């Protein structure tokens, strides 16, 4: 097993040198050691929990388990945009191994809906696959769209159909706001914006004996692109923690703790 061990600066030095980037610095019992298993092919194996933190057991049929076991492209892979061009890696540390349409469809909220839809499809919960559209404000279900066709090809056509008519403004109406302290894997940080918003999804989590949580975030962006595991710009690593204030700074967007929502 090939391990890549990365060392962060000690927290006091980090705060003194750049106080604006201290909110999400991850410290585990005064040790800032971050380990990636660069040979691992899915999230929960590639991103190892820092010292004193551990993953909790998950129901293998749950959305949380599905997300934490998303397949990843080889470490160092670049995010591919819908048109075949590539995004540089300033914002992300890994790329989810999941095809996207060659059309400019799967942007931020779309990637969140895609993961939810893929999970429900894979577990044959077809009746729960439904998303709100912006124009008419109504829910549009996979079963109504597909009839008796349960093929994956038809499901992908449905998801692209959803991406055409849904966005952050419609998705936020489908989700329920929750306290940041109750965060779980599968929850969504979302802002509807004017004219643009953004959404990212919690795909993995580690917890310590004090109940403190570290979490990983995934996103797509504009133009439409493959889903990616975000870096934490406050520490240059991927684990996020509860911020000192309310702002959660990701590489391409700033959220507030009040922006957390759940399916």
C-alpha atoms as a PDB file:
ATOM      1  CA  UNK A   1       0.000   0.000   0.000  1.00  0.00           C
ATOM      2  CA  UNK A   2       1.410   3.334  -1.030  1.00  0.00           C
ATOM      3  CA  UNK A   3       0.874   6.054   1.583  1.00  0.00           C
ATOM      4  CA  UNK A   4       1.452   9.752   1.093  1.00  0.00           C
ATOM      5  CA  UNK A   5       1.945  11.571   4.406  1.00  0.00           C
ATOM      6  CA  UNK A   6       1.508  15.336   4.423  1.00  0.00           C
ATOM      7  CA  UNK A   7       2.329  17.640   7.341  1.00  0.00           C
ATOM      8  CA  UNK A   8       0.505  20.913   8.019  1.00  0.00           C
ATOM      9  CA  UNK A   9       1.896  23.881   9.903  1.00  0.00           C
ATOM     10  CA  UNK A  10       1.288  24.044  13.650  1.00  0.00           C
ATOM     11  CA  UNK A  11      -1.947  25.961  14.378  1.00  0.00           C
ATOM     12  CA  UNK A  12      -0.462  28.895  16.274  1.00  0.00           C
ATOM     13  CA  UNK A  13       2.046  29.652  13.558  1.00  0.00           C
ATOM     14  CA  UNK A  14      -0.662  29.290  10.946  1.00  0.00           C
ATOM     15  CA  UNK A  15      -2.925  31.745  12.776  1.00  0.00           C
ATOM     16  CA  UNK A  16      -0.170  34.276  13.276  1.00  0.00           C
ATOM     17  CA  UNK A  17       0.994  34.171   9.691  1.00  0.00           C
ATOM     18  CA  UNK A  18      -2.466  34.284   8.155  1.00  0.00           C
ATOM     19  CA  UNK A  19      -5.305  34.884  10.639  1.00  0.00           C
ATOM     20  CA  UNK A  20      -7.904  34.942   7.862  1.00  0.00           C
ATOM     21  CA  UNK A  21      -7.220  31.295   7.049  1.00  0.00           C
ATOM     22  CA  UNK A  22      -7.433  29.734  10.488  1.00  0.00           C
ATOM     23  CA  UNK A  23     -11.137  28.920  10.774  1.00  0.00           C
ATOM     24  CA  UNK A  24     -11.036  25.455   9.236  1.00  0.00           C
ATOM     25  CA  UNK A  25      -7.529  24.351  10.176  1.00  0.00           C
ATOM     26  CA  UNK A  26      -7.800  20.745  11.299  1.00  0.00           C
ATOM     27  CA  UNK A  27      -5.917  19.765  14.465  1.00  0.00           C
ATOM     28  CA  UNK A  28      -6.102  16.341  16.055  1.00  0.00           C
ATOM     29  CA  UNK A  29      -4.726  16.318  19.632  1.00  0.00           C
ATOM     30  CA  UNK A  30      -2.028  18.854  18.660  1.00  0.00           C
ATOM     31  CA  UNK A  31      -0.968  16.717  15.711  1.00  0.00           C
ATOM     32  CA  UNK A  32      -1.505  18.073  12.213  1.00  0.00           C
ATOM     33  CA  UNK A  33      -0.817  14.888  10.252  1.00  0.00           C
ATOM     34  CA  UNK A  34      -2.855  14.192   7.133  1.00  0.00           C
ATOM     35  CA  UNK A  35      -2.660  10.849   5.340  1.00  0.00           C
ATOM     36  CA  UNK A  36      -3.962   9.786   1.957  1.00  0.00           C
ATOM     37  CA  UNK A  37      -3.889   6.209   0.764  1.00  0.00           C
ATOM     38  CA  UNK A  38      -3.044   7.113  -2.794  1.00  0.00           C
ATOM     39  CA  UNK A  39      -3.782   3.585  -4.046  1.00  0.00           C
ATOM     40  CA  UNK A  40      -7.347   3.499  -2.699  1.00  0.00           C
ATOM     41  CA  UNK A  41     -10.182   3.653  -5.199  1.00  0.00           C
ATOM     42  CA  UNK A  42     -13.008   5.037  -3.047  1.00  0.00           C
ATOM     43  CA  UNK A  43     -13.473   7.878  -0.553  1.00  0.00           C
ATOM     44  CA  UNK A  44     -13.522   6.073   2.803  1.00  0.00           C
ATOM     45  CA  UNK A  45     -10.241   4.295   2.027  1.00  0.00           C
ATOM     46  CA  UNK A  46      -8.379   7.147   0.350  1.00  0.00           C
ATOM     47  CA  UNK A  47      -9.100   9.797   3.013  1.00  0.00           C
ATOM     48  CA  UNK A  48      -7.899   8.460   6.347  1.00  0.00           C
ATOM     49  CA  UNK A  49      -9.173  10.060   9.537  1.00  0.00           C
ATOM     50  CA  UNK A  50      -6.639  12.175  11.493  1.00  0.00           C
ATOM     51  CA  UNK A  51      -5.456  10.952  14.899  1.00  0.00           C
ATOM     52  CA  UNK A  52      -8.200  10.755  17.563  1.00  0.00           C
ATOM     53  CA  UNK A  53     -10.921  10.818  14.890  1.00  0.00           C
ATOM     54  CA  UNK A  54     -12.701   7.790  13.456  1.00  0.00           C
ATOM     55  CA  UNK A  55     -15.553   6.928  11.156  1.00  0.00           C
ATOM     56  CA  UNK A  56     -18.745   5.622  12.703  1.00  0.00           C
ATOM     57  CA  UNK A  57     -20.324   2.427  11.370  1.00  0.00           C
ATOM     58  CA  UNK A  58     -22.879   2.960   8.621  1.00  0.00           C
ATOM     59  CA  UNK A  59     -25.794   0.912   7.328  1.00  0.00           C
ATOM     60  CA  UNK A  60     -24.526  -0.530   4.046  1.00  0.00           C
ATOM     61  CA  UNK A  61     -27.863   0.323   2.396  1.00  0.00           C
ATOM     62  CA  UNK A  62     -27.788   3.963   3.505  1.00  0.00           C
ATOM     63  CA  UNK A  63     -27.156   7.100   1.472  1.00  0.00           C
ATOM     64  CA  UNK A  64     -24.240   7.870   3.797  1.00  0.00           C
ATOM     65  CA  UNK A  65     -22.542   4.559   3.004  1.00  0.00           C
ATOM     66  CA  UNK A  66     -23.115   5.058  -0.722  1.00  0.00           C
ATOM     67  CA  UNK A  67     -21.482   8.497  -0.655  1.00  0.00           C
ATOM     68  CA  UNK A  68     -18.509   7.484   1.467  1.00  0.00           C
ATOM     69  CA  UNK A  69     -17.836   4.633  -0.951  1.00  0.00           C
ATOM     70  CA  UNK A  70     -18.055   6.644  -4.156  1.00  0.00           C
ATOM     71  CA  UNK A  71     -15.453   5.384  -6.640  1.00  0.00           C
ATOM     72  CA  UNK A  72     -12.548   7.723  -7.336  1.00  0.00           C
ATOM     73  CA  UNK A  73     -10.291   8.134 -10.327  1.00  0.00           C
ATOM     74  CA  UNK A  74      -6.569   7.521  -9.731  1.00  0.00           C
ATOM     75  CA  UNK A  75      -5.027  10.155  -7.470  1.00  0.00           C
ATOM     76  CA  UNK A  76      -3.746  13.076  -9.517  1.00  0.00           C
ATOM     77  CA  UNK A  77      -6.504  12.819 -12.141  1.00  0.00           C
ATOM     78  CA  UNK A  78      -7.890  16.113 -13.433  1.00  0.00           C
ATOM     79  CA  UNK A  79     -11.577  16.997 -13.489  1.00  0.00           C
ATOM     80  CA  UNK A  80     -12.995  16.732 -16.973  1.00  0.00           C
ATOM     81  CA  UNK A  81     -15.444  19.378 -18.196  1.00  0.00           C
ATOM     82  CA  UNK A  82     -18.450  18.445 -20.327  1.00  0.00           C
ATOM     83  CA  UNK A  83     -16.669  19.524 -23.514  1.00  0.00           C
ATOM     84  CA  UNK A  84     -13.617  17.359 -22.913  1.00  0.00           C
ATOM     85  CA  UNK A  85     -11.390  20.134 -21.566  1.00  0.00           C
ATOM     86  CA  UNK A  86      -9.870  19.887 -18.102  1.00  0.00           C
ATOM     87  CA  UNK A  87     -10.048  21.941 -14.927  1.00  0.00           C
ATOM     88  CA  UNK A  88      -6.801  22.454 -13.019  1.00  0.00           C
ATOM     89  CA  UNK A  89      -6.595  20.986  -9.536  1.00  0.00           C
ATOM     90  CA  UNK A  90      -6.520  24.108  -7.344  1.00  0.00           C
ATOM     91  CA  UNK A  91     -10.009  23.343  -5.959  1.00  0.00           C
ATOM     92  CA  UNK A  92     -10.024  19.569  -5.505  1.00  0.00           C
ATOM     93  CA  UNK A  93      -7.967  16.611  -4.340  1.00  0.00           C
ATOM     94  CA  UNK A  94      -9.820  13.727  -6.045  1.00  0.00           C
ATOM     95  CA  UNK A  95     -12.282  13.130  -8.876  1.00  0.00           C
ATOM     96  CA  UNK A  96     -15.371  10.926  -8.570  1.00  0.00           C
ATOM     97  CA  UNK A  97     -15.323   8.208 -11.219  1.00  0.00           C
ATOM     98  CA  UNK A  98     -18.751   8.833 -12.775  1.00  0.00           C
ATOM     99  CA  UNK A  99     -19.463   9.778 -16.374  1.00  0.00           C
ATOM    100  CA  UNK A 100     -21.208  13.039 -17.257  1.00  0.00           C
ATOM    101  CA  UNK A 101     -23.219  14.171 -20.244  1.00  0.00           C
ATOM    102  CA  UNK A 102     -21.362  15.880 -23.141  1.00  0.00           C
ATOM    103  CA  UNK A 103     -23.779  18.801 -22.640  1.00  0.00           C
ATOM    104  CA  UNK A 104     -23.412  21.705 -20.217  1.00  0.00           C
ATOM    105  CA  UNK A 105     -25.897  20.223 -17.747  1.00  0.00           C
ATOM    106  CA  UNK A 106     -24.338  18.722 -14.620  1.00  0.00           C
ATOM    107  CA  UNK A 107     -23.344  21.823 -12.686  1.00  0.00           C
ATOM    108  CA  UNK A 108     -23.452  22.330  -8.902  1.00  0.00           C
ATOM    109  CA  UNK A 109     -27.006  21.496  -7.785  1.00  0.00           C
ATOM    110  CA  UNK A 110     -27.204  18.950 -10.598  1.00  0.00           C
ATOM    111  CA  UNK A 111     -24.284  16.951  -9.193  1.00  0.00           C
ATOM    112  CA  UNK A 112     -25.994  16.865  -5.790  1.00  0.00           C
ATOM    113  CA  UNK A 113     -29.223  15.631  -7.368  1.00  0.00           C
ATOM    114  CA  UNK A 114     -27.275  13.138  -9.488  1.00  0.00           C
ATOM    115  CA  UNK A 115     -25.748  11.525  -6.409  1.00  0.00           C
ATOM    116  CA  UNK A 116     -29.109  11.337  -4.676  1.00  0.00           C
ATOM    117  CA  UNK A 117     -30.736   9.889  -7.790  1.00  0.00           C
ATOM    118  CA  UNK A 118     -27.938   7.373  -8.376  1.00  0.00           C
ATOM    119  CA  UNK A 119     -28.228   6.116  -4.811  1.00  0.00           C
ATOM    120  CA  UNK A 120     -32.001   5.690  -4.995  1.00  0.00           C
ATOM    121  CA  UNK A 121     -31.735   3.998  -8.388  1.00  0.00           C
ATOM    122  CA  UNK A 122     -29.005   1.613  -7.203  1.00  0.00           C
ATOM    123  CA  UNK A 123     -31.140   0.587  -4.216  1.00  0.00           C
ATOM    124  CA  UNK A 124     -34.271   0.295  -6.383  1.00  0.00           C
ATOM    125  CA  UNK A 125     -36.135   2.998  -4.462  1.00  0.00           C
ATOM    126  CA  UNK A 126     -37.641   4.187  -7.725  1.00  0.00           C
ATOM    127  CA  UNK A 127     -40.673   5.826  -6.153  1.00  0.00           C
ATOM    128  CA  UNK A 128     -38.450   8.214  -4.181  1.00  0.00           C
ATOM    129  CA  UNK A 129     -36.618   9.548  -7.240  1.00  0.00           C
ATOM    130  CA  UNK A 130     -38.268  12.922  -7.778  1.00  0.00           C
ATOM    131  CA  UNK A 131     -37.026  16.491  -8.063  1.00  0.00           C
ATOM    132  CA  UNK A 132     -38.620  19.922  -8.016  1.00  0.00           C
ATOM    133  CA  UNK A 133     -38.478  22.042 -11.178  1.00  0.00           C
ATOM    134  CA  UNK A 134     -37.961  25.787 -11.134  1.00  0.00           C
ATOM    135  CA  UNK A 135     -40.552  26.808 -13.727  1.00  0.00           C
ATOM    136  CA  UNK A 136     -43.708  25.135 -12.398  1.00  0.00           C
ATOM    137  CA  UNK A 137     -42.533  24.494  -8.833  1.00  0.00           C
ATOM    138  CA  UNK A 138     -43.747  20.887  -9.058  1.00  0.00           C
ATOM    139  CA  UNK A 139     -42.026  17.585  -8.319  1.00  0.00           C
ATOM    140  CA  UNK A 140     -41.238  15.489 -11.390  1.00  0.00           C
ATOM    141  CA  UNK A 141     -40.708  11.805 -10.731  1.00  0.00           C
ATOM    142  CA  UNK A 142     -38.553   9.235 -12.432  1.00  0.00           C
ATOM    143  CA  UNK A 143     -41.424   6.730 -12.559  1.00  0.00           C
ATOM    144  CA  UNK A 144     -43.694   9.181 -14.380  1.00  0.00           C
ATOM    145  CA  UNK A 145     -40.895   9.945 -16.843  1.00  0.00           C
ATOM    146  CA  UNK A 146     -39.747   6.391 -17.473  1.00  0.00           C
ATOM    147  CA  UNK A 147     -43.001   4.435 -17.359  1.00  0.00           C
ATOM    148  CA  UNK A 148     -42.061   0.757 -17.017  1.00  0.00           C
ATOM    149  CA  UNK A 149     -38.531   1.237 -18.363  1.00  0.00           C
ATOM    150  CA  UNK A 150     -36.081   0.690 -15.498  1.00  0.00           C
ATOM    151  CA  UNK A 151     -32.952   0.626 -17.638  1.00  0.00           C
ATOM    152  CA  UNK A 152     -29.994   2.731 -16.544  1.00  0.00           C
ATOM    153  CA  UNK A 153     -30.016   4.434 -19.943  1.00  0.00           C
ATOM    154  CA  UNK A 154     -33.546   5.717 -19.281  1.00  0.00           C
ATOM    155  CA  UNK A 155     -32.580   6.792 -15.773  1.00  0.00           C
ATOM    156  CA  UNK A 156     -29.671   8.866 -17.147  1.00  0.00           C
ATOM    157  CA  UNK A 157     -31.999  10.512 -19.643  1.00  0.00           C
ATOM    158  CA  UNK A 158     -34.291  11.387 -16.755  1.00  0.00           C
ATOM    159  CA  UNK A 159     -31.438  12.929 -14.766  1.00  0.00           C
ATOM    160  CA  UNK A 160     -30.367  15.073 -17.738  1.00  0.00           C
ATOM    161  CA  UNK A 161     -34.017  16.099 -18.075  1.00  0.00           C
ATOM    162  CA  UNK A 162     -33.968  17.155 -14.411  1.00  0.00           C
ATOM    163  CA  UNK A 163     -30.740  19.108 -14.860  1.00  0.00           C
ATOM    164  CA  UNK A 164     -32.377  21.112 -17.651  1.00  0.00           C
ATOM    165  CA  UNK A 165     -35.228  22.399 -15.470  1.00  0.00           C
ATOM    166  CA  UNK A 166     -33.908  22.341 -11.881  1.00  0.00           C
ATOM    167  CA  UNK A 167     -31.223  24.385 -10.137  1.00  0.00           C
ATOM    168  CA  UNK A 168     -30.172  25.644  -6.699  1.00  0.00           C
ATOM    169  CA  UNK A 169     -33.332  27.780  -6.375  1.00  0.00           C
ATOM    170  CA  UNK A 170     -35.599  24.769  -6.919  1.00  0.00           C
ATOM    171  CA  UNK A 171     -33.467  22.300  -4.964  1.00  0.00           C
ATOM    172  CA  UNK A 172     -33.365  24.454  -1.840  1.00  0.00           C
ATOM    173  CA  UNK A 173     -37.180  24.346  -1.769  1.00  0.00           C
ATOM    174  CA  UNK A 174     -37.056  20.551  -1.824  1.00  0.00           C
ATOM    175  CA  UNK A 175     -34.655  20.354   1.119  1.00  0.00           C
ATOM    176  CA  UNK A 176     -35.159  21.117   4.797  1.00  0.00           C
ATOM    177  CA  UNK A 177     -32.898  23.515   6.726  1.00  0.00           C
ATOM    178  CA  UNK A 178     -31.185  21.860   9.712  1.00  0.00           C
ATOM    179  CA  UNK A 179     -28.839  22.994  12.514  1.00  0.00           C
ATOM    180  CA  UNK A 180     -25.170  22.780  11.611  1.00  0.00           C
ATOM    181  CA  UNK A 181     -24.494  20.823  14.794  1.00  0.00           C
ATOM    182  CA  UNK A 182     -26.618  17.929  13.513  1.00  0.00           C
ATOM    183  CA  UNK A 183     -24.677  17.496  10.243  1.00  0.00           C
ATOM    184  CA  UNK A 184     -24.711  14.032   8.694  1.00  0.00           C
ATOM    185  CA  UNK A 185     -23.239  12.530   5.545  1.00  0.00           C
ATOM    186  CA  UNK A 186     -25.607  13.383   2.688  1.00  0.00           C
ATOM    187  CA  UNK A 187     -26.480  16.855   3.963  1.00  0.00           C
ATOM    188  CA  UNK A 188     -26.153  19.774   1.554  1.00  0.00           C
ATOM    189  CA  UNK A 189     -24.716  23.270   1.906  1.00  0.00           C
ATOM    190  CA  UNK A 190     -26.760  25.344  -0.524  1.00  0.00           C
ATOM    191  CA  UNK A 191     -27.394  28.975  -1.471  1.00  0.00           C
ATOM    192  CA  UNK A 192     -29.884  29.796  -4.198  1.00  0.00           C
ATOM    193  CA  UNK A 193     -28.172  33.056  -5.204  1.00  0.00           C
ATOM    194  CA  UNK A 194     -29.182  35.799  -7.617  1.00  0.00           C
ATOM    195  CA  UNK A 195     -28.656  34.997 -10.408  1.00  0.00           C
ATOM    196  CA  UNK A 196     -26.361  32.116  -9.438  1.00  0.00           C
ATOM    197  CA  UNK A 197     -26.115  29.968  -6.349  1.00  0.00           C
ATOM    198  CA  UNK A 198     -24.051  26.993  -5.356  1.00  0.00           C
ATOM    199  CA  UNK A 199     -24.419  23.642  -3.616  1.00  0.00           C
ATOM    200  CA  UNK A 200     -21.975  21.111  -2.186  1.00  0.00           C
ATOM    201  CA  UNK A 201     -22.684  17.812  -0.459  1.00  0.00           C
ATOM    202  CA  UNK A 202     -21.157  16.148   2.601  1.00  0.00           C
ATOM    203  CA  UNK A 203     -19.736  12.816   1.392  1.00  0.00           C
ATOM    204  CA  UNK A 204     -17.816  11.541   4.412  1.00  0.00           C
ATOM    205  CA  UNK A 205     -17.231  12.287   8.083  1.00  0.00           C
ATOM    206  CA  UNK A 206     -14.941  11.484  11.010  1.00  0.00           C
ATOM    207  CA  UNK A 207     -15.850  12.049  14.684  1.00  0.00           C
ATOM    208  CA  UNK A 208     -13.791  12.141  17.894  1.00  0.00           C
ATOM    209  CA  UNK A 209     -14.715  11.269  21.474  1.00  0.00           C
ATOM    210  CA  UNK A 210     -15.871  14.851  22.091  1.00  0.00           C
ATOM    211  CA  UNK A 211     -18.371  14.659  19.260  1.00  0.00           C
ATOM    212  CA  UNK A 212     -16.338  17.032  17.078  1.00  0.00           C
ATOM    213  CA  UNK A 213     -16.773  16.353  13.371  1.00  0.00           C
ATOM    214  CA  UNK A 214     -14.514  16.517  10.346  1.00  0.00           C
ATOM    215  CA  UNK A 215     -16.220  16.292   6.972  1.00  0.00           C
ATOM    216  CA  UNK A 216     -15.493  16.045   3.260  1.00  0.00           C
ATOM    217  CA  UNK A 217     -17.363  18.073   0.646  1.00  0.00           C
ATOM    218  CA  UNK A 218     -18.002  17.282  -3.017  1.00  0.00           C
ATOM    219  CA  UNK A 219     -19.187  19.530  -5.821  1.00  0.00           C
ATOM    220  CA  UNK A 220     -19.520  20.186  -9.507  1.00  0.00           C
ATOM    221  CA  UNK A 221     -19.272  23.728 -10.838  1.00  0.00           C
ATOM    222  CA  UNK A 222     -19.592  25.833 -13.997  1.00  0.00           C
ATOM    223  CA  UNK A 223     -19.207  24.825 -16.737  1.00  0.00           C
ATOM    224  CA  UNK A 224     -20.639  21.353 -16.160  1.00  0.00           C
ATOM    225  CA  UNK A 225     -17.892  19.073 -14.885  1.00  0.00           C
ATOM    226  CA  UNK A 226     -17.159  15.837 -13.083  1.00  0.00           C
ATOM    227  CA  UNK A 227     -17.896  15.694  -9.373  1.00  0.00           C
ATOM    228  CA  UNK A 228     -14.842  16.424  -7.240  1.00  0.00           C
ATOM    229  CA  UNK A 229     -13.728  16.168  -3.602  1.00  0.00           C
ATOM    230  CA  UNK A 230     -12.873  19.680  -2.451  1.00  0.00           C
ATOM    231  CA  UNK A 231      -9.691  20.864  -0.841  1.00  0.00           C
ATOM    232  CA  UNK A 232      -9.981  23.033   2.254  1.00  0.00           C
ATOM    233  CA  UNK A 233      -8.430  26.397   1.278  1.00  0.00           C
ATOM    234  CA  UNK A 234      -7.873  27.230   4.948  1.00  0.00           C
ATOM    235  CA  UNK A 235      -5.477  24.336   5.404  1.00  0.00           C
ATOM    236  CA  UNK A 236      -4.728  23.022   1.879  1.00  0.00           C
ATOM    237  CA  UNK A 237      -6.197  19.661   2.856  1.00  0.00           C
ATOM    238  CA  UNK A 238      -9.618  18.182   2.308  1.00  0.00           C
ATOM    239  CA  UNK A 239     -11.076  17.692   5.786  1.00  0.00           C
ATOM    240  CA  UNK A 240     -13.283  20.548   6.997  1.00  0.00           C
ATOM    241  CA  UNK A 241     -14.284  21.254  10.587  1.00  0.00           C
ATOM    242  CA  UNK A 242     -16.837  23.502  12.262  1.00  0.00           C
ATOM    243  CA  UNK A 243     -15.681  27.081  11.615  1.00  0.00           C
ATOM    244  CA  UNK A 244     -14.872  29.507  14.404  1.00  0.00           C
ATOM    245  CA  UNK A 245     -17.430  31.934  12.976  1.00  0.00           C
ATOM    246  CA  UNK A 246     -20.276  31.098  10.621  1.00  0.00           C
ATOM    247  CA  UNK A 247     -18.457  31.265   7.275  1.00  0.00           C
ATOM    248  CA  UNK A 248     -17.422  28.031   5.559  1.00  0.00           C
ATOM    249  CA  UNK A 249     -14.877  28.907   2.900  1.00  0.00           C
ATOM    250  CA  UNK A 250     -14.545  26.446   0.029  1.00  0.00           C
ATOM    251  CA  UNK A 251     -12.195  27.023  -2.915  1.00  0.00           C
ATOM    252  CA  UNK A 252     -14.901  28.519  -5.143  1.00  0.00           C
ATOM    253  CA  UNK A 253     -17.676  29.594  -2.761  1.00  0.00           C
ATOM    254  CA  UNK A 254     -18.325  30.824   0.782  1.00  0.00           C
ATOM    255  CA  UNK A 255     -21.220  29.247   2.666  1.00  0.00           C
ATOM    256  CA  UNK A 256     -22.715  30.002   6.061  1.00  0.00           C
ATOM    257  CA  UNK A 257     -23.459  27.421   8.740  1.00  0.00           C
ATOM    258  CA  UNK A 258     -27.144  28.375   8.290  1.00  0.00           C
ATOM    259  CA  UNK A 259     -26.982  27.017   4.717  1.00  0.00           C
ATOM    260  CA  UNK A 260     -27.043  23.356   5.773  1.00  0.00           C
ATOM    261  CA  UNK A 261     -30.023  21.371   4.451  1.00  0.00           C
ATOM    262  CA  UNK A 262     -31.181  17.747   4.392  1.00  0.00           C
ATOM    263  CA  UNK A 263     -33.170  15.528   2.046  1.00  0.00           C
END
